[in-house]
Amino acid sequence: MSESERMELNAKTKMPIGIALSCAAAMVGGALWINNALKDLKSELVEMRHAQQAVTQAQSQLLKEQSNYIDKRDLENWTLRMQRENPALKIPEFKR
């Protein structure tokens, strides 16, 4: 077959038109299925990004709250410093 000749679907090709149409329909169906699957993945990715942003904001809020939190160690250190700087002052022991 030369380059100028084109292949056509006819009785000589020995391929029924039904098979050609079913192959084309399968390809179109597959393309639509892949498109829908990618859309679903994209929407799930967007949801995950929103969830990640919410977690990040919650973490930063906890860190801000934690920086304002005074724990037992801080209070004990403050008590010891106060006793050292003011020996005449009676400071009660810190208990939780």
Protein backbone atom coordinates (compact mmCIF):
# COMPACT_ATOMS: atom_id res chain seq x y z
CA MET A 1 0.00 0.00 0.00
CA SER A 2 1.42 3.38 -0.95
CA GLU A 3 1.32 6.49 1.20
CA SER A 4 -1.23 8.19 -1.06
CA GLU A 5 -3.77 5.42 -0.54
CA ARG A 6 -6.04 5.70 2.45
CA MET A 7 -7.44 2.82 4.39
CA GLU A 8 -11.22 2.66 4.36
CA LEU A 9 -13.69 0.50 6.18
CA ASN A 10 -15.59 -1.52 3.59
CA ALA A 11 -16.23 -5.09 2.62
CA LYS A 12 -12.57 -5.61 1.68
CA THR A 13 -11.26 -4.78 5.14
CA LYS A 14 -13.07 -7.79 6.59
CA MET A 15 -14.02 -5.81 9.72
CA PRO A 16 -17.71 -5.47 10.47
CA ILE A 17 -18.94 -1.93 11.07
CA GLY A 18 -20.53 -3.07 14.35
CA ILE A 19 -17.14 -3.98 15.79
CA ALA A 20 -15.68 -0.65 14.70
CA LEU A 21 -18.60 1.23 16.27
CA SER A 22 -18.42 -0.79 19.48
CA CYS A 23 -14.67 -0.09 19.74
CA ALA A 24 -15.33 3.62 19.22
CA ALA A 25 -18.14 3.54 21.80
CA ALA A 26 -15.88 1.75 24.28
CA MET A 27 -13.17 4.37 23.77
CA VAL A 28 -15.64 7.21 24.31
CA GLY A 29 -17.09 5.47 27.37
CA GLY A 30 -13.61 4.93 28.79
CA ALA A 31 -12.73 8.57 28.22
CA LEU A 32 -15.90 9.68 30.02
CA TRP A 33 -15.21 7.30 32.91
CA ILE A 34 -11.64 8.58 33.27
CA ASN A 35 -12.89 12.17 33.15
CA ASN A 36 -15.39 11.50 35.96
CA ALA A 37 -12.75 9.71 38.02
CA LEU A 38 -10.39 12.66 37.67
CA LYS A 39 -13.14 15.09 38.67
CA ASP A 40 -13.80 13.02 41.80
CA LEU A 41 -10.09 12.97 42.63
CA LYS A 42 -9.89 16.72 42.18
CA SER A 43 -12.83 17.34 44.50
CA GLU A 44 -11.34 15.00 47.12
CA LEU A 45 -8.02 16.80 46.84
CA VAL A 46 -9.73 20.16 47.40
CA GLU A 47 -11.52 18.75 50.47
CA MET A 48 -8.24 17.40 51.83
CA ARG A 49 -6.57 20.78 51.36
CA HIS A 50 -9.39 22.49 53.26
CA ALA A 51 -9.08 19.92 56.04
CA GLN A 52 -5.31 20.43 56.14
CA GLN A 53 -5.79 24.19 56.42
CA ALA A 54 -8.25 23.69 59.27
CA VAL A 55 -5.79 21.42 61.10
CA THR A 56 -2.97 23.92 60.56
CA GLN A 57 -5.12 26.75 61.93
CA ALA A 58 -6.09 24.64 64.94
CA GLN A 59 -2.43 23.81 65.59
CA SER A 60 -1.41 27.46 65.42
CA GLN A 61 -4.26 28.38 67.77
CA LEU A 62 -3.12 25.71 70.24
CA LEU A 63 0.45 26.99 70.06
CA LYS A 64 -0.76 30.52 70.79
CA GLU A 65 -2.79 29.29 73.75
CA GLN A 66 0.11 27.17 74.98
CA SER A 67 2.47 30.13 74.91
CA ASN A 68 0.13 31.94 77.35
CA TYR A 69 -0.14 28.88 79.62
CA ILE A 70 1.77 28.82 82.89
CA ASP A 71 2.62 25.34 84.07
CA LYS A 72 3.68 24.02 87.47
CA ARG A 73 7.38 24.32 86.69
CA ASP A 74 7.02 28.02 85.88
CA LEU A 75 5.15 28.65 89.13
CA GLU A 76 7.71 26.72 91.18
CA ASN A 77 10.55 28.71 89.60
CA TRP A 78 8.71 31.95 90.30
CA THR A 79 8.16 30.88 93.94
CA LEU A 80 11.84 30.02 94.40
CA ARG A 81 12.91 33.32 92.88
CA MET A 82 10.50 35.24 95.10
CA GLN A 83 11.79 33.44 98.21
CA ARG A 84 15.41 34.10 97.25
CA GLU A 85 14.80 37.80 96.54
CA ASN A 86 12.53 38.33 99.57
CA PRO A 87 13.71 36.11 102.44
CA ALA A 88 11.33 37.73 104.96
CA LEU A 89 8.28 37.06 102.78
CA LYS A 90 6.35 33.86 103.47
CA ILE A 91 5.25 32.33 100.15
CA PRO A 92 2.92 29.32 100.29
CA GLU A 93 3.88 26.15 98.48
CA PHE A 94 2.21 25.65 95.12
CA LYS A 95 -0.13 22.64 94.95
CA ARG A 96 -2.52 21.52 92.25
